[in-house]
Amino acid sequence: MVVDSQISITLTSVSQSVKFEIVTNRGTYPVTLEPSMGILVRASALSPDEFAALEKKLGGMNESSDTFVLKDVESVSGITQKVLSFCYVSTVNADVENGKFNFSGKTQIEDVPLLISVNVDRSSGKTTLSVRSENTVLNSRLLKELKKELV
């Protein structure tokens, strides 16, 4: 006999995984769900001016950033698709020619603004990735995972 069941989980923290057990007549199976940071963000459209104003407000402790070199500078044209495939955000600006990309969203848990900036020096491939929001734990984890997607 096959029994289908559904479970709905509400995530309340970016730093804790969901743990539970599935119990059947054949045994008990522990399950741990570690959500991707990208699913903890939802799209929220901003104009370039609104993005710039929030970017100034969310600097300092509300910003996580890293610098790395893109292996293939020609892959700059795919940055927008990589970011949008990784997390559900809105594109504010995608200037492939100048290597400047800005994305906006809101955190699922706290419903606070989240900004992502990618700046690529087309001549050297040097790339700066920045994530800004009031949730510093989400910022650092999202930065780490998003960097893996872009490198």
Protein backbone atom coordinates (compact mmCIF):
# COMPACT_ATOMS: atom_id res chain seq x y z
CA MET A 1 0.00 0.00 0.00
CA VAL A 2 1.33 3.43 -0.96
CA VAL A 3 0.33 6.47 1.03
CA ASP A 4 1.08 9.94 -0.31
CA SER A 5 1.41 12.75 2.17
CA GLN A 6 2.28 16.40 1.91
CA ILE A 7 4.06 18.54 4.42
CA SER A 8 4.17 22.31 4.54
CA ILE A 9 7.09 23.99 6.25
CA THR A 10 7.35 27.63 7.25
CA LEU A 11 10.95 28.72 7.62
CA THR A 12 11.52 31.12 10.49
CA SER A 13 15.30 31.39 10.52
CA VAL A 14 18.05 31.53 7.91
CA SER A 15 20.51 29.79 10.19
CA GLN A 16 18.57 26.67 11.19
CA SER A 17 17.80 23.60 9.15
CA VAL A 18 14.51 21.75 9.40
CA LYS A 19 14.79 18.31 11.02
CA PHE A 20 12.13 15.63 11.34
CA GLU A 21 11.64 11.89 11.00
CA ILE A 22 9.61 9.81 8.60
CA VAL A 23 8.28 6.75 10.38
CA THR A 24 7.00 3.74 8.45
CA ASN A 25 6.44 0.08 9.18
CA ARG A 26 9.93 -0.45 7.69
CA GLY A 27 11.74 1.89 10.05
CA THR A 28 12.45 5.45 11.01
CA TYR A 29 14.26 7.75 8.60
CA PRO A 30 15.76 11.04 9.79
CA VAL A 31 15.38 13.96 7.39
CA THR A 32 17.27 17.27 7.42
CA LEU A 33 16.30 20.04 5.02
CA GLU A 34 18.85 22.79 4.52
CA PRO A 35 17.18 25.49 2.42
CA SER A 36 19.14 27.28 -0.26
CA MET A 37 19.53 30.93 0.65
CA GLY A 38 18.03 31.84 -2.72
CA ILE A 39 14.58 30.57 -1.75
CA LEU A 40 14.52 32.88 1.27
CA VAL A 41 14.22 35.91 -1.03
CA ARG A 42 11.31 37.14 -3.13
CA ALA A 43 11.26 39.67 -5.94
CA SER A 44 10.47 43.29 -5.23
CA ALA A 45 10.86 45.78 -8.06
CA LEU A 46 12.70 49.06 -7.46
CA SER A 47 13.61 51.93 -9.77
CA PRO A 48 17.32 52.72 -10.15
CA ASP A 49 16.83 55.81 -7.95
CA GLU A 50 15.10 53.80 -5.20
CA PHE A 51 17.89 51.20 -5.43
CA ALA A 52 20.58 53.89 -5.04
CA ALA A 53 18.84 55.40 -2.00
CA LEU A 54 18.48 52.00 -0.29
CA GLU A 55 22.06 51.11 -1.19
CA LYS A 56 23.30 54.15 0.77
CA LYS A 57 21.02 53.30 3.71
CA LEU A 58 22.08 49.63 3.83
CA GLY A 59 25.83 50.16 3.87
CA GLY A 60 28.29 49.34 6.63
CA MET A 61 27.14 46.54 8.93
CA ASN A 62 24.21 45.75 6.62
CA GLU A 63 26.53 44.89 3.71
CA SER A 64 28.48 41.76 2.87
CA SER A 65 30.81 41.88 -0.11
CA ASP A 66 33.56 39.87 -1.73
CA THR A 67 35.92 40.31 -4.65
CA PHE A 68 36.95 37.54 -7.02
CA VAL A 69 38.06 37.06 -10.63
CA LEU A 70 35.68 35.65 -13.20
CA LYS A 71 37.32 32.74 -15.00
CA ASP A 72 35.69 33.71 -18.27
CA VAL A 73 35.18 37.46 -18.79
CA GLU A 74 32.94 36.65 -21.75
CA SER A 75 30.50 35.07 -19.27
CA VAL A 76 29.51 38.56 -18.07
CA SER A 77 26.49 38.42 -20.37
CA GLY A 78 25.17 35.45 -18.36
CA ILE A 79 25.35 37.10 -14.93
CA THR A 80 21.71 38.21 -14.92
CA GLN A 81 20.51 34.70 -15.75
CA LYS A 82 22.74 33.13 -13.08
CA VAL A 83 21.49 35.50 -10.37
CA LEU A 84 17.84 35.10 -11.38
CA SER A 85 18.20 31.31 -11.50
CA PHE A 86 19.71 31.26 -8.02
CA CYS A 87 17.31 33.58 -6.18
CA TYR A 88 13.98 35.17 -6.92
CA VAL A 89 14.84 38.85 -7.30
CA SER A 90 13.97 41.65 -9.72
CA THR A 91 16.49 43.11 -12.14
CA VAL A 92 17.01 46.83 -11.52
CA ASN A 93 19.89 47.29 -13.95
CA ALA A 94 21.79 44.92 -16.24
CA ASP A 95 24.50 46.87 -18.06
CA VAL A 96 26.52 44.10 -19.72
CA GLU A 97 28.74 46.53 -21.63
CA ASN A 98 29.94 48.25 -18.43
CA GLY A 99 29.68 45.14 -16.20
CA LYS A 100 27.21 46.63 -13.71
CA PHE A 101 24.25 44.60 -12.45
CA ASN A 102 21.76 45.47 -9.68
CA PHE A 103 18.96 43.30 -8.30
CA SER A 104 16.32 43.90 -5.64
CA GLY A 105 14.12 41.74 -3.49
CA LYS A 106 12.77 41.27 0.01
CA THR A 107 13.57 38.64 2.58
CA GLN A 108 10.84 36.03 2.99
CA ILE A 109 11.12 35.87 6.77
CA GLU A 110 11.39 39.53 7.85
CA ASP A 111 10.02 41.19 4.70
CA VAL A 112 12.89 43.68 4.58
CA PRO A 113 14.59 44.99 1.42
CA LEU A 114 17.53 43.03 0.00
CA LEU A 115 19.89 44.39 -2.65
CA ILE A 116 22.44 42.53 -4.77
CA SER A 117 25.13 44.29 -6.82
CA VAL A 118 27.60 42.71 -9.21
CA ASN A 119 30.32 44.89 -10.72
CA VAL A 120 32.74 43.39 -13.23
CA ASP A 121 35.87 45.02 -14.64
CA ARG A 122 35.62 43.74 -18.22
CA SER A 123 39.36 44.07 -18.84
CA SER A 124 40.57 42.02 -15.84
CA GLY A 125 37.52 40.00 -14.78
CA LYS A 126 37.81 41.41 -11.25
CA THR A 127 34.31 41.16 -9.82
CA THR A 128 32.79 42.68 -6.70
CA LEU A 129 29.65 41.03 -5.35
CA SER A 130 27.67 42.82 -2.64
CA VAL A 131 24.56 41.77 -0.73
CA ARG A 132 22.77 44.30 1.48
CA SER A 133 19.88 43.89 3.91
CA GLU A 134 19.17 44.26 7.62
CA ASN A 135 19.62 40.48 8.02
CA THR A 136 23.41 40.15 8.26
CA VAL A 137 23.31 36.35 8.59
CA LEU A 138 21.35 36.04 5.35
CA ASN A 139 23.70 38.52 3.67
CA SER A 140 26.84 36.50 4.39
CA ARG A 141 25.28 33.14 3.52
CA LEU A 142 23.64 34.45 0.34
CA LEU A 143 26.94 36.07 -0.68
CA LYS A 144 28.82 32.80 -0.22
CA GLU A 145 26.31 30.72 -2.20
CA LEU A 146 25.82 33.30 -4.94
CA LYS A 147 29.59 33.64 -5.40
CA LYS A 148 29.78 29.89 -6.10
CA GLU A 149 27.14 30.33 -8.81
CA LEU A 150 29.00 33.19 -10.48
CA VAL A 151 32.62 31.94 -10.39
